[in-house]
Amino acid sequence: MGIGTGLGNLSKEAGEYVKRSIDNCKLQAVEQLSMLIGDMVCGFVVSMLLFIAFLFILSLVTMVLAAYIGYLLSVTAVVVLLLLLALLAYVFRVPLFVNGVVGRLVALFYGKECDDE
């Protein structure tokens, strides 16, 4: 067993290590992308369900108010309520939405450290 044989084995092992490191990075990328897509689909479904529930609640409020103050005035009151809620969502968009989404993405991509030792 000479120096040439030892260097040949070392180069083969180094090649295997590089291939396994690349495979590890590919698997981590697939895992993170699948988690990201799963979170996006889940968020979309939940937001649509909340939107539908919100529309039902607004319809109920409109019908209840229509019995007391008339239909046109109740619709106007609900529209004003929607505008106030939209204004609140716009004012608090950064702490509620942007920081939450960025925090989730940072935790998703950088929460697990890659152990390539």
PDB file of N, CA and C in Angstrom:
ATOM      1  N   MET A   1       0.852  -1.163   0.000  1.00  0.00           N
ATOM      2  CA  MET A   1       0.000   0.000   0.000  1.00  0.00           C
ATOM      3  C   MET A   1       0.900   1.228   0.000  1.00  0.00           C
ATOM      4  N   GLY A   2       0.983   1.873  -1.151  1.00  0.00           N
ATOM      5  CA  GLY A   2       1.863   3.024  -1.282  1.00  0.00           C
ATOM      6  C   GLY A   2       1.112   4.328  -1.141  1.00  0.00           C
ATOM      7  N   ILE A   3       1.841   5.379  -1.386  1.00  0.00           N
ATOM      8  CA  ILE A   3       1.251   6.720  -1.281  1.00  0.00           C
ATOM      9  C   ILE A   3       0.187   6.932  -2.348  1.00  0.00           C
ATOM     10  N   GLY A   4       0.408   6.395  -3.520  1.00  0.00           N
ATOM     11  CA  GLY A   4      -0.557   6.547  -4.617  1.00  0.00           C
ATOM     12  C   GLY A   4      -1.895   5.905  -4.302  1.00  0.00           C
ATOM     13  N   THR A   5      -1.863   4.739  -3.652  1.00  0.00           N
ATOM     14  CA  THR A   5      -3.101   4.044  -3.291  1.00  0.00           C
ATOM     15  C   THR A   5      -3.852   4.820  -2.218  1.00  0.00           C
ATOM     16  N   GLY A   6      -3.107   5.336  -1.225  1.00  0.00           N
ATOM     17  CA  GLY A   6      -3.728   6.121  -0.153  1.00  0.00           C
ATOM     18  C   GLY A   6      -4.355   7.402  -0.692  1.00  0.00           C
ATOM     19  N   LEU A   7      -3.677   8.054  -1.621  1.00  0.00           N
ATOM     20  CA  LEU A   7      -4.244   9.275  -2.215  1.00  0.00           C
ATOM     21  C   LEU A   7      -5.444   8.959  -3.099  1.00  0.00           C
ATOM     22  N   GLY A   8      -5.414   7.818  -3.755  1.00  0.00           N
ATOM     23  CA  GLY A   8      -6.561   7.406  -4.576  1.00  0.00           C
ATOM     24  C   GLY A   8      -7.795   7.182  -3.720  1.00  0.00           C
ATOM     25  N   ASN A   9      -7.609   6.499  -2.587  1.00  0.00           N
ATOM     26  CA  ASN A   9      -8.733   6.272  -1.662  1.00  0.00           C
ATOM     27  C   ASN A   9      -9.229   7.583  -1.076  1.00  0.00           C
ATOM     28  N   LEU A  10      -8.281   8.470  -0.764  1.00  0.00           N
ATOM     29  CA  LEU A  10      -8.660   9.760  -0.194  1.00  0.00           C
ATOM     30  C   LEU A  10      -9.459  10.588  -1.190  1.00  0.00           C
ATOM     31  N   SER A  11      -9.060  10.558  -2.458  1.00  0.00           N
ATOM     32  CA  SER A  11      -9.795  11.323  -3.465  1.00  0.00           C
ATOM     33  C   SER A  11     -11.179  10.721  -3.694  1.00  0.00           C
ATOM     34  N   LYS A  12     -11.300   9.378  -3.640  1.00  0.00           N
ATOM     35  CA  LYS A  12     -12.619   8.742  -3.772  1.00  0.00           C
ATOM     36  C   LYS A  12     -13.523   9.131  -2.605  1.00  0.00           C
ATOM     37  N   GLU A  13     -12.975   9.123  -1.390  1.00  0.00           N
ATOM     38  CA  GLU A  13     -13.762   9.495  -0.211  1.00  0.00           C
ATOM     39  C   GLU A  13     -14.153  10.961  -0.251  1.00  0.00           C
ATOM     40  N   ALA A  14     -13.250  11.809  -0.741  1.00  0.00           N
ATOM     41  CA  ALA A  14     -13.582  13.227  -0.868  1.00  0.00           C
ATOM     42  C   ALA A  14     -14.691  13.419  -1.894  1.00  0.00           C
ATOM     43  N   GLY A  15     -14.619  12.666  -2.983  1.00  0.00           N
ATOM     44  CA  GLY A  15     -15.683  12.733  -3.995  1.00  0.00           C
ATOM     45  C   GLY A  15     -17.019  12.278  -3.441  1.00  0.00           C
ATOM     46  N   GLU A  16     -17.009  11.200  -2.662  1.00  0.00           N
ATOM     47  CA  GLU A  16     -18.237  10.716  -2.022  1.00  0.00           C
ATOM     48  C   GLU A  16     -18.794  11.754  -1.055  1.00  0.00           C
ATOM     49  N   TYR A  17     -17.907  12.382  -0.293  1.00  0.00           N
ATOM     50  CA  TYR A  17     -18.340  13.405   0.664  1.00  0.00           C
ATOM     51  C   TYR A  17     -19.008  14.574  -0.064  1.00  0.00           C
ATOM     52  N   VAL A  18     -18.423  15.000  -1.168  1.00  0.00           N
ATOM     53  CA  VAL A  18     -19.004  16.110  -1.934  1.00  0.00           C
ATOM     54  C   VAL A  18     -20.362  15.713  -2.492  1.00  0.00           C
ATOM     55  N   LYS A  19     -20.465  14.496  -3.038  1.00  0.00           N
ATOM     56  CA  LYS A  19     -21.753  14.029  -3.571  1.00  0.00           C
ATOM     57  C   LYS A  19     -22.813  13.965  -2.476  1.00  0.00           C
ATOM     58  N   ARG A  20     -22.441  13.467  -1.314  1.00  0.00           N
ATOM     59  CA  ARG A  20     -23.413  13.370  -0.214  1.00  0.00           C
ATOM     60  C   ARG A  20     -23.800  14.746   0.330  1.00  0.00           C
ATOM     61  N   SER A  21     -22.850  15.675   0.335  1.00  0.00           N
ATOM     62  CA  SER A  21     -23.168  17.036   0.770  1.00  0.00           C
ATOM     63  C   SER A  21     -24.141  17.697  -0.197  1.00  0.00           C
ATOM     64  N   ILE A  22     -23.933  17.477  -1.495  1.00  0.00           N
ATOM     65  CA  ILE A  22     -24.850  18.033  -2.501  1.00  0.00           C
ATOM     66  C   ILE A  22     -26.228  17.404  -2.354  1.00  0.00           C
ATOM     67  N   ASP A  23     -26.286  16.087  -2.167  1.00  0.00           N
ATOM     68  CA  ASP A  23     -27.573  15.422  -1.964  1.00  0.00           C
ATOM     69  C   ASP A  23     -28.271  15.929  -0.707  1.00  0.00           C
ATOM     70  N   ASN A  24     -27.501  16.165   0.355  1.00  0.00           N
ATOM     71  CA  ASN A  24     -28.069  16.686   1.597  1.00  0.00           C
ATOM     72  C   ASN A  24     -28.672  18.071   1.371  1.00  0.00           C
ATOM     73  N   CYS A  25     -27.967  18.918   0.652  1.00  0.00           N
ATOM     74  CA  CYS A  25     -28.489  20.268   0.375  1.00  0.00           C
ATOM     75  C   CYS A  25     -29.741  20.209  -0.495  1.00  0.00           C
ATOM     76  N   LYS A  26     -29.752  19.292  -1.476  1.00  0.00           N
ATOM     77  CA  LYS A  26     -30.947  19.128  -2.313  1.00  0.00           C
ATOM     78  C   LYS A  26     -32.141  18.684  -1.479  1.00  0.00           C
ATOM     79  N   LEU A  27     -31.927  17.717  -0.596  1.00  0.00           N
ATOM     80  CA  LEU A  27     -33.019  17.235   0.252  1.00  0.00           C
ATOM     81  C   LEU A  27     -33.532  18.322   1.186  1.00  0.00           C
ATOM     82  N   GLN A  28     -32.627  19.134   1.726  1.00  0.00           N
ATOM     83  CA  GLN A  28     -33.058  20.231   2.593  1.00  0.00           C
ATOM     84  C   GLN A  28     -33.847  21.267   1.810  1.00  0.00           C
ATOM     85  N   ALA A  29     -33.435  21.541   0.567  1.00  0.00           N
ATOM     86  CA  ALA A  29     -34.164  22.499  -0.258  1.00  0.00           C
ATOM     87  C   ALA A  29     -35.564  21.986  -0.574  1.00  0.00           C
ATOM     88  N   VAL A  30     -35.684  20.706  -0.895  1.00  0.00           N
ATOM     89  CA  VAL A  30     -36.993  20.123  -1.175  1.00  0.00           C
ATOM     90  C   VAL A  30     -37.872  20.160   0.070  1.00  0.00           C
ATOM     91  N   GLU A  31     -37.295  19.859   1.219  1.00  0.00           N
ATOM     92  CA  GLU A  31     -38.062  19.890   2.471  1.00  0.00           C
ATOM     93  C   GLU A  31     -38.568  21.299   2.771  1.00  0.00           C
ATOM     94  N   GLN A  32     -37.696  22.289   2.615  1.00  0.00           N
ATOM     95  CA  GLN A  32     -38.102  23.663   2.901  1.00  0.00           C
ATOM     96  C   GLN A  32     -39.141  24.159   1.901  1.00  0.00           C
ATOM     97  N   LEU A  33     -38.980  23.810   0.626  1.00  0.00           N
ATOM     98  CA  LEU A  33     -39.973  24.219  -0.366  1.00  0.00           C
ATOM     99  C   LEU A  33     -41.314  23.543  -0.133  1.00  0.00           C
ATOM    100  N   SER A  34     -41.311  22.282   0.255  1.00  0.00           N
ATOM    101  CA  SER A  34     -42.578  21.608   0.527  1.00  0.00           C
ATOM    102  C   SER A  34     -43.265  22.216   1.745  1.00  0.00           C
ATOM    103  N   MET A  35     -42.485  22.579   2.754  1.00  0.00           N
ATOM    104  CA  MET A  35     -43.080  23.235   3.920  1.00  0.00           C
ATOM    105  C   MET A  35     -43.626  24.612   3.546  1.00  0.00           C
ATOM    106  N   LEU A  36     -42.910  25.341   2.704  1.00  0.00           N
ATOM    107  CA  LEU A  36     -43.360  26.660   2.274  1.00  0.00           C
ATOM    108  C   LEU A  36     -44.648  26.556   1.476  1.00  0.00           C
ATOM    109  N   ILE A  37     -44.702  25.636   0.541  1.00  0.00           N
ATOM    110  CA  ILE A  37     -45.912  25.471  -0.270  1.00  0.00           C
ATOM    111  C   ILE A  37     -47.074  24.995   0.601  1.00  0.00           C
ATOM    112  N   GLY A  38     -46.811  24.094   1.527  1.00  0.00           N
ATOM    113  CA  GLY A  38     -47.858  23.638   2.444  1.00  0.00           C
ATOM    114  C   GLY A  38     -48.392  24.774   3.299  1.00  0.00           C
ATOM    115  N   ASP A  39     -47.499  25.618   3.805  1.00  0.00           N
ATOM    116  CA  ASP A  39     -47.937  26.774   4.591  1.00  0.00           C
ATOM    117  C   ASP A  39     -48.753  27.746   3.747  1.00  0.00           C
ATOM    118  N   MET A  40     -48.333  27.938   2.496  1.00  0.00           N
ATOM    119  CA  MET A  40     -49.065  28.853   1.623  1.00  0.00           C
ATOM    120  C   MET A  40     -50.468  28.334   1.316  1.00  0.00           C
ATOM    121  N   VAL A  41     -50.592  27.047   1.022  1.00  0.00           N
ATOM    122  CA  VAL A  41     -51.901  26.461   0.729  1.00  0.00           C
ATOM    123  C   VAL A  41     -52.791  26.512   1.965  1.00  0.00           C
ATOM    124  N   CYS A  42     -52.225  26.162   3.104  1.00  0.00           N
ATOM    125  CA  CYS A  42     -52.995  26.191   4.349  1.00  0.00           C
ATOM    126  C   CYS A  42     -53.446  27.617   4.681  1.00  0.00           C
ATOM    127  N   GLY A  43     -52.544  28.579   4.519  1.00  0.00           N
ATOM    128  CA  GLY A  43     -52.906  29.974   4.761  1.00  0.00           C
ATOM    129  C   GLY A  43     -53.994  30.458   3.824  1.00  0.00           C
ATOM    130  N   PHE A  44     -53.924  30.051   2.563  1.00  0.00           N
ATOM    131  CA  PHE A  44     -54.948  30.446   1.593  1.00  0.00           C
ATOM    132  C   PHE A  44     -56.308  29.863   1.965  1.00  0.00           C
ATOM    133  N   VAL A  45     -56.331  28.578   2.320  1.00  0.00           N
ATOM    134  CA  VAL A  45     -57.597  27.933   2.681  1.00  0.00           C
ATOM    135  C   VAL A  45     -58.190  28.576   3.932  1.00  0.00           C
ATOM    136  N   VAL A  46     -57.362  28.813   4.936  1.00  0.00           N
ATOM    137  CA  VAL A  46     -57.851  29.427   6.171  1.00  0.00           C
ATOM    138  C   VAL A  46     -58.353  30.836   5.912  1.00  0.00           C
ATOM    139  N   SER A  47     -57.627  31.608   5.106  1.00  0.00           N
ATOM    140  CA  SER A  47     -58.071  32.977   4.829  1.00  0.00           C
ATOM    141  C   SER A  47     -59.377  32.985   4.044  1.00  0.00           C
ATOM    142  N   MET A  48     -59.558  32.057   3.119  1.00  0.00           N
ATOM    143  CA  MET A  48     -60.820  31.991   2.376  1.00  0.00           C
ATOM    144  C   MET A  48     -61.978  31.600   3.296  1.00  0.00           C
ATOM    145  N   LEU A  49     -61.746  30.659   4.196  1.00  0.00           N
ATOM    146  CA  LEU A  49     -62.799  30.273   5.142  1.00  0.00           C
ATOM    147  C   LEU A  49     -63.146  31.431   6.077  1.00  0.00           C
ATOM    148  N   LEU A  50     -62.124  32.155   6.534  1.00  0.00           N
ATOM    149  CA  LEU A  50     -62.404  33.323   7.377  1.00  0.00           C
ATOM    150  C   LEU A  50     -63.144  34.411   6.603  1.00  0.00           C
ATOM    151  N   PHE A  51     -62.800  34.588   5.339  1.00  0.00           N
ATOM    152  CA  PHE A  51     -63.483  35.574   4.513  1.00  0.00           C
ATOM    153  C   PHE A  51     -64.953  35.208   4.322  1.00  0.00           C
ATOM    154  N   ILE A  52     -65.235  33.938   4.071  1.00  0.00           N
ATOM    155  CA  ILE A  52     -66.617  33.496   3.916  1.00  0.00           C
ATOM    156  C   ILE A  52     -67.380  33.665   5.226  1.00  0.00           C
ATOM    157  N   ALA A  53     -66.764  33.310   6.341  1.00  0.00           N
ATOM    158  CA  ALA A  53     -67.425  33.490   7.636  1.00  0.00           C
ATOM    159  C   ALA A  53     -67.681  34.973   7.900  1.00  0.00           C
ATOM    160  N   PHE A  54     -66.719  35.819   7.543  1.00  0.00           N
ATOM    161  CA  PHE A  54     -66.884  37.259   7.719  1.00  0.00           C
ATOM    162  C   PHE A  54     -68.044  37.784   6.877  1.00  0.00           C
ATOM    163  N   LEU A  55     -68.186  37.287   5.656  1.00  0.00           N
ATOM    164  CA  LEU A  55     -69.313  37.712   4.816  1.00  0.00           C
ATOM    165  C   LEU A  55     -70.651  37.272   5.409  1.00  0.00           C
ATOM    166  N   PHE A  56     -70.699  36.066   5.951  1.00  0.00           N
ATOM    167  CA  PHE A  56     -71.936  35.613   6.599  1.00  0.00           C
ATOM    168  C   PHE A  56     -72.271  36.477   7.813  1.00  0.00           C
ATOM    169  N   ILE A  57     -71.278  36.816   8.604  1.00  0.00           N
ATOM    170  CA  ILE A  57     -71.506  37.659   9.772  1.00  0.00           C
ATOM    171  C   ILE A  57     -72.006  39.035   9.350  1.00  0.00           C
ATOM    172  N   LEU A  58     -71.397  39.604   8.298  1.00  0.00           N
ATOM    173  CA  LEU A  58     -71.867  40.905   7.816  1.00  0.00           C
ATOM    174  C   LEU A  58     -73.288  40.834   7.269  1.00  0.00           C
ATOM    175  N   SER A  59     -73.635  39.734   6.616  1.00  0.00           N
ATOM    176  CA  SER A  59     -75.006  39.562   6.137  1.00  0.00           C
ATOM    177  C   SER A  59     -75.983  39.489   7.307  1.00  0.00           C
ATOM    178  N   LEU A  60     -75.583  38.780   8.350  1.00  0.00           N
ATOM    179  CA  LEU A  60     -76.427  38.680   9.540  1.00  0.00           C
ATOM    180  C   LEU A  60     -76.608  40.042  10.201  1.00  0.00           C
ATOM    181  N   VAL A  61     -75.525  40.796  10.325  1.00  0.00           N
ATOM    182  CA  VAL A  61     -75.614  42.131  10.923  1.00  0.00           C
ATOM    183  C   VAL A  61     -76.518  43.024  10.087  1.00  0.00           C
ATOM    184  N   THR A  62     -76.400  42.925   8.776  1.00  0.00           N
ATOM    185  CA  THR A  62     -77.246  43.730   7.892  1.00  0.00           C
ATOM    186  C   THR A  62     -78.718  43.374   8.071  1.00  0.00           C
ATOM    187  N   MET A  63     -79.022  42.084   8.154  1.00  0.00           N
ATOM    188  CA  MET A  63     -80.426  41.683   8.312  1.00  0.00           C
ATOM    189  C   MET A  63     -80.987  42.098   9.674  1.00  0.00           C
ATOM    190  N   VAL A  64     -80.167  41.986  10.720  1.00  0.00           N
ATOM    191  CA  VAL A  64     -80.630  42.375  12.053  1.00  0.00           C
ATOM    192  C   VAL A  64     -80.856  43.876  12.111  1.00  0.00           C
ATOM    193  N   LEU A  65     -79.902  44.640  11.580  1.00  0.00           N
ATOM    194  CA  LEU A  65     -80.064  46.091  11.583  1.00  0.00           C
ATOM    195  C   LEU A  65     -81.204  46.549  10.684  1.00  0.00           C
ATOM    196  N   ALA A  66     -81.463  45.809   9.607  1.00  0.00           N
ATOM    197  CA  ALA A  66     -82.546  46.182   8.689  1.00  0.00           C
ATOM    198  C   ALA A  66     -83.899  46.113   9.381  1.00  0.00           C
ATOM    199  N   ALA A  67     -84.036  45.225  10.323  1.00  0.00           N
ATOM    200  CA  ALA A  67     -85.309  45.109  11.048  1.00  0.00           C
ATOM    201  C   ALA A  67     -85.558  46.328  11.932  1.00  0.00           C
ATOM    202  N   TYR A  68     -84.489  46.987  12.362  1.00  0.00           N
ATOM    203  CA  TYR A  68     -84.654  48.121  13.276  1.00  0.00           C
ATOM    204  C   TYR A  68     -84.531  49.483  12.589  1.00  0.00           C
ATOM    205  N   ILE A  69     -83.595  49.635  11.652  1.00  0.00           N
ATOM    206  CA  ILE A  69     -83.357  50.968  11.086  1.00  0.00           C
ATOM    207  C   ILE A  69     -83.588  51.045   9.581  1.00  0.00           C
ATOM    208  N   GLY A  70     -84.023  49.987   8.965  1.00  0.00           N
ATOM    209  CA  GLY A  70     -84.266  49.995   7.528  1.00  0.00           C
ATOM    210  C   GLY A  70     -83.080  49.398   6.772  1.00  0.00           C
ATOM    211  N   TYR A  71     -83.402  48.879   5.590  1.00  0.00           N
ATOM    212  CA  TYR A  71     -82.401  48.153   4.836  1.00  0.00           C
ATOM    213  C   TYR A  71     -81.288  49.063   4.317  1.00  0.00           C
ATOM    214  N   LEU A  72     -81.646  50.184   3.734  1.00  0.00           N
ATOM    215  CA  LEU A  72     -80.634  51.063   3.139  1.00  0.00           C
ATOM    216  C   LEU A  72     -79.683  51.609   4.199  1.00  0.00           C
ATOM    217  N   LEU A  73     -80.222  52.005   5.340  1.00  0.00           N
ATOM    218  CA  LEU A  73     -79.372  52.515   6.412  1.00  0.00           C
ATOM    219  C   LEU A  73     -78.498  51.411   7.015  1.00  0.00           C
ATOM    220  N   SER A  74     -79.021  50.200   7.087  1.00  0.00           N
ATOM    221  CA  SER A  74     -78.210  49.091   7.624  1.00  0.00           C
ATOM    222  C   SER A  74     -77.073  48.727   6.667  1.00  0.00           C
ATOM    223  N   VAL A  75     -77.332  48.763   5.387  1.00  0.00           N
ATOM    224  CA  VAL A  75     -76.264  48.510   4.411  1.00  0.00           C
ATOM    225  C   VAL A  75     -75.209  49.598   4.503  1.00  0.00           C
ATOM    226  N   THR A  76     -75.627  50.831   4.671  1.00  0.00           N
ATOM    227  CA  THR A  76     -74.684  51.938   4.821  1.00  0.00           C
ATOM    228  C   THR A  76     -73.838  51.757   6.080  1.00  0.00           C
ATOM    229  N   ALA A  77     -74.460  51.334   7.165  1.00  0.00           N
ATOM    230  CA  ALA A  77     -73.718  51.114   8.407  1.00  0.00           C
ATOM    231  C   ALA A  77     -72.697  49.986   8.249  1.00  0.00           C
ATOM    232  N   VAL A  78     -73.043  48.935   7.549  1.00  0.00           N
ATOM    233  CA  VAL A  78     -72.121  47.820   7.333  1.00  0.00           C
ATOM    234  C   VAL A  78     -70.971  48.246   6.422  1.00  0.00           C
ATOM    235  N   VAL A  79     -71.257  49.061   5.412  1.00  0.00           N
ATOM    236  CA  VAL A  79     -70.198  49.561   4.525  1.00  0.00           C
ATOM    237  C   VAL A  79     -69.228  50.439   5.314  1.00  0.00           C
ATOM    238  N   VAL A  80     -69.759  51.292   6.191  1.00  0.00           N
ATOM    239  CA  VAL A  80     -68.895  52.121   7.035  1.00  0.00           C
ATOM    240  C   VAL A  80     -68.052  51.230   7.954  1.00  0.00           C
ATOM    241  N   LEU A  81     -68.651  50.183   8.494  1.00  0.00           N
ATOM    242  CA  LEU A  81     -67.909  49.240   9.329  1.00  0.00           C
ATOM    243  C   LEU A  81     -66.783  48.570   8.533  1.00  0.00           C
ATOM    244  N   LEU A  82     -67.074  48.176   7.303  1.00  0.00           N
ATOM    245  CA  LEU A  82     -66.051  47.577   6.452  1.00  0.00           C
ATOM    246  C   LEU A  82     -64.924  48.554   6.158  1.00  0.00           C
ATOM    247  N   LEU A  83     -65.262  49.799   5.902  1.00  0.00           N
ATOM    248  CA  LEU A  83     -64.239  50.805   5.639  1.00  0.00           C
ATOM    249  C   LEU A  83     -63.359  51.042   6.871  1.00  0.00           C
ATOM    250  N   LEU A  84     -63.966  51.060   8.052  1.00  0.00           N
ATOM    251  CA  LEU A  84     -63.179  51.211   9.276  1.00  0.00           C
ATOM    252  C   LEU A  84     -62.254  50.018   9.511  1.00  0.00           C
ATOM    253  N   LEU A  85     -62.756  48.824   9.243  1.00  0.00           N
ATOM    254  CA  LEU A  85     -61.907  47.642   9.383  1.00  0.00           C
ATOM    255  C   LEU A  85     -60.774  47.636   8.352  1.00  0.00           C
ATOM    256  N   ALA A  86     -61.052  48.094   7.142  1.00  0.00           N
ATOM    257  CA  ALA A  86     -60.007  48.188   6.124  1.00  0.00           C
ATOM    258  C   ALA A  86     -58.957  49.214   6.521  1.00  0.00           C
ATOM    259  N   LEU A  87     -59.399  50.318   7.107  1.00  0.00           N
ATOM    260  CA  LEU A  87     -58.463  51.339   7.572  1.00  0.00           C
ATOM    261  C   LEU A  87     -57.589  50.798   8.707  1.00  0.00           C
ATOM    262  N   LEU A  88     -58.188  50.068   9.631  1.00  0.00           N
ATOM    263  CA  LEU A  88     -57.408  49.452  10.716  1.00  0.00           C
ATOM    264  C   LEU A  88     -56.401  48.431  10.183  1.00  0.00           C
ATOM    265  N   ALA A  89     -56.825  47.637   9.215  1.00  0.00           N
ATOM    266  CA  ALA A  89     -55.911  46.656   8.614  1.00  0.00           C
ATOM    267  C   ALA A  89     -54.765  47.362   7.901  1.00  0.00           C
ATOM    268  N   TYR A  90     -55.045  48.490   7.262  1.00  0.00           N
ATOM    269  CA  TYR A  90     -53.986  49.235   6.575  1.00  0.00           C
ATOM    270  C   TYR A  90     -53.013  49.854   7.569  1.00  0.00           C
ATOM    271  N   VAL A  91     -53.530  50.392   8.654  1.00  0.00           N
ATOM    272  CA  VAL A  91     -52.669  51.032   9.646  1.00  0.00           C
ATOM    273  C   VAL A  91     -51.767  50.004  10.324  1.00  0.00           C
ATOM    274  N   PHE A  92     -52.313  48.840  10.641  1.00  0.00           N
ATOM    275  CA  PHE A  92     -51.547  47.821  11.358  1.00  0.00           C
ATOM    276  C   PHE A  92     -51.019  46.725  10.436  1.00  0.00           C
ATOM    277  N   ARG A  93     -50.830  47.017   9.155  1.00  0.00           N
ATOM    278  CA  ARG A  93     -50.401  45.990   8.205  1.00  0.00           C
ATOM    279  C   ARG A  93     -48.987  45.504   8.475  1.00  0.00           C
ATOM    280  N   VAL A  94     -48.081  46.387   8.865  1.00  0.00           N
ATOM    281  CA  VAL A  94     -46.691  45.961   9.075  1.00  0.00           C
ATOM    282  C   VAL A  94     -46.570  45.057  10.299  1.00  0.00           C
ATOM    283  N   PRO A  95     -47.073  45.448  11.482  1.00  0.00           N
ATOM    284  CA  PRO A  95     -46.905  44.534  12.614  1.00  0.00           C
ATOM    285  C   PRO A  95     -47.730  43.248  12.503  1.00  0.00           C
ATOM    286  N   LEU A  96     -48.883  43.315  11.851  1.00  0.00           N
ATOM    287  CA  LEU A  96     -49.729  42.131  11.779  1.00  0.00           C
ATOM    288  C   LEU A  96     -49.325  41.176  10.670  1.00  0.00           C
ATOM    289  N   PHE A  97     -49.119  41.710   9.477  1.00  0.00           N
ATOM    290  CA  PHE A  97     -48.935  40.842   8.322  1.00  0.00           C
ATOM    291  C   PHE A  97     -47.478  40.694   7.908  1.00  0.00           C
ATOM    292  N   VAL A  98     -46.800  41.806   7.683  1.00  0.00           N
ATOM    293  CA  VAL A  98     -45.440  41.740   7.154  1.00  0.00           C
ATOM    294  C   VAL A  98     -44.495  41.091   8.156  1.00  0.00           C
ATOM    295  N   ASN A  99     -44.523  41.528   9.402  1.00  0.00           N
ATOM    296  CA  ASN A  99     -43.631  40.943  10.404  1.00  0.00           C
ATOM    297  C   ASN A  99     -43.941  39.463  10.641  1.00  0.00           C
ATOM    298  N   GLY A 100     -45.208  39.111  10.611  1.00  0.00           N
ATOM    299  CA  GLY A 100     -45.577  37.711  10.790  1.00  0.00           C
ATOM    300  C   GLY A 100     -45.098  36.830   9.660  1.00  0.00           C
ATOM    301  N   VAL A 101     -45.269  37.296   8.428  1.00  0.00           N
ATOM    302  CA  VAL A 101     -44.840  36.513   7.272  1.00  0.00           C
ATOM    303  C   VAL A 101     -43.324  36.409   7.229  1.00  0.00           C
ATOM    304  N   VAL A 102     -42.637  37.516   7.452  1.00  0.00           N
ATOM    305  CA  VAL A 102     -41.173  37.499   7.441  1.00  0.00           C
ATOM    306  C   VAL A 102     -40.644  36.618   8.564  1.00  0.00           C
ATOM    307  N   GLY A 103     -41.222  36.713   9.732  1.00  0.00           N
ATOM    308  CA  GLY A 103     -40.798  35.869  10.845  1.00  0.00           C
ATOM    309  C   GLY A 103     -40.999  34.394  10.555  1.00  0.00           C
ATOM    310  N   ARG A 104     -42.109  34.054   9.921  1.00  0.00           N
ATOM    311  CA  ARG A 104     -42.377  32.653   9.570  1.00  0.00           C
ATOM    312  C   ARG A 104     -41.382  32.152   8.531  1.00  0.00           C
ATOM    313  N   LEU A 105     -41.081  32.965   7.521  1.00  0.00           N
ATOM    314  CA  LEU A 105     -40.123  32.554   6.501  1.00  0.00           C
ATOM    315  C   LEU A 105     -38.717  32.422   7.067  1.00  0.00           C
ATOM    316  N   VAL A 106     -38.330  33.327   7.958  1.00  0.00           N
ATOM    317  CA  VAL A 106     -37.007  33.228   8.579  1.00  0.00           C
ATOM    318  C   VAL A 106     -36.915  31.968   9.429  1.00  0.00           C
ATOM    319  N   ALA A 107     -37.962  31.672  10.188  1.00  0.00           N
ATOM    320  CA  ALA A 107     -37.958  30.456  11.000  1.00  0.00           C
ATOM    321  C   ALA A 107     -37.943  29.212  10.122  1.00  0.00           C
ATOM    322  N   LEU A 108     -38.599  29.292   8.972  1.00  0.00           N
ATOM    323  CA  LEU A 108     -38.654  28.145   8.077  1.00  0.00           C
ATOM    324  C   LEU A 108     -37.298  27.870   7.444  1.00  0.00           C
ATOM    325  N   PHE A 109     -36.648  28.924   6.941  1.00  0.00           N
ATOM    326  CA  PHE A 109     -35.410  28.722   6.201  1.00  0.00           C
ATOM    327  C   PHE A 109     -34.166  28.711   7.073  1.00  0.00           C
ATOM    328  N   TYR A 110     -34.175  29.436   8.183  1.00  0.00           N
ATOM    329  CA  TYR A 110     -32.969  29.541   8.991  1.00  0.00           C
ATOM    330  C   TYR A 110     -33.113  28.953  10.383  1.00  0.00           C
ATOM    331  N   GLY A 111     -34.248  28.361  10.684  1.00  0.00           N
ATOM    332  CA  GLY A 111     -34.461  27.804  12.013  1.00  0.00           C
ATOM    333  C   GLY A 111     -33.617  26.570  12.271  1.00  0.00           C
ATOM    334  N   LYS A 112     -33.443  25.755  11.276  1.00  0.00           N
ATOM    335  CA  LYS A 112     -32.639  24.548  11.402  1.00  0.00           C
ATOM    336  C   LYS A 112     -31.279  24.807  10.776  1.00  0.00           C
ATOM    337  N   GLU A 113     -30.264  24.679  11.556  1.00  0.00           N
ATOM    338  CA  GLU A 113     -28.904  24.894  11.046  1.00  0.00           C
ATOM    339  C   GLU A 113     -28.425  23.625  10.360  1.00  0.00           C
ATOM    340  N   CYS A 114     -27.749  23.796   9.246  1.00  0.00           N
ATOM    341  CA  CYS A 114     -27.215  22.669   8.488  1.00  0.00           C
ATOM    342  C   CYS A 114     -25.938  22.178   9.159  1.00  0.00           C
ATOM    343  N   ASP A 115     -25.896  20.913   9.543  1.00  0.00           N
ATOM    344  CA  ASP A 115     -24.722  20.339  10.192  1.00  0.00           C
ATOM    345  C   ASP A 115     -23.868  19.629   9.160  1.00  0.00           C
ATOM    346  N   ASP A 116     -22.999  20.373   8.508  1.00  0.00           N
ATOM    347  CA  ASP A 116     -22.118  19.790   7.490  1.00  0.00           C
ATOM    348  C   ASP A 116     -20.710  19.619   8.037  1.00  0.00           C
ATOM    349  N   GLU A 117     -20.592  19.021   9.181  1.00  0.00           N
ATOM    350  CA  GLU A 117     -19.270  18.828   9.792  1.00  0.00           C
ATOM    351  C   GLU A 117     -18.723  17.469   9.447  1.00  0.00           C
TER     352      GLU A 117
END
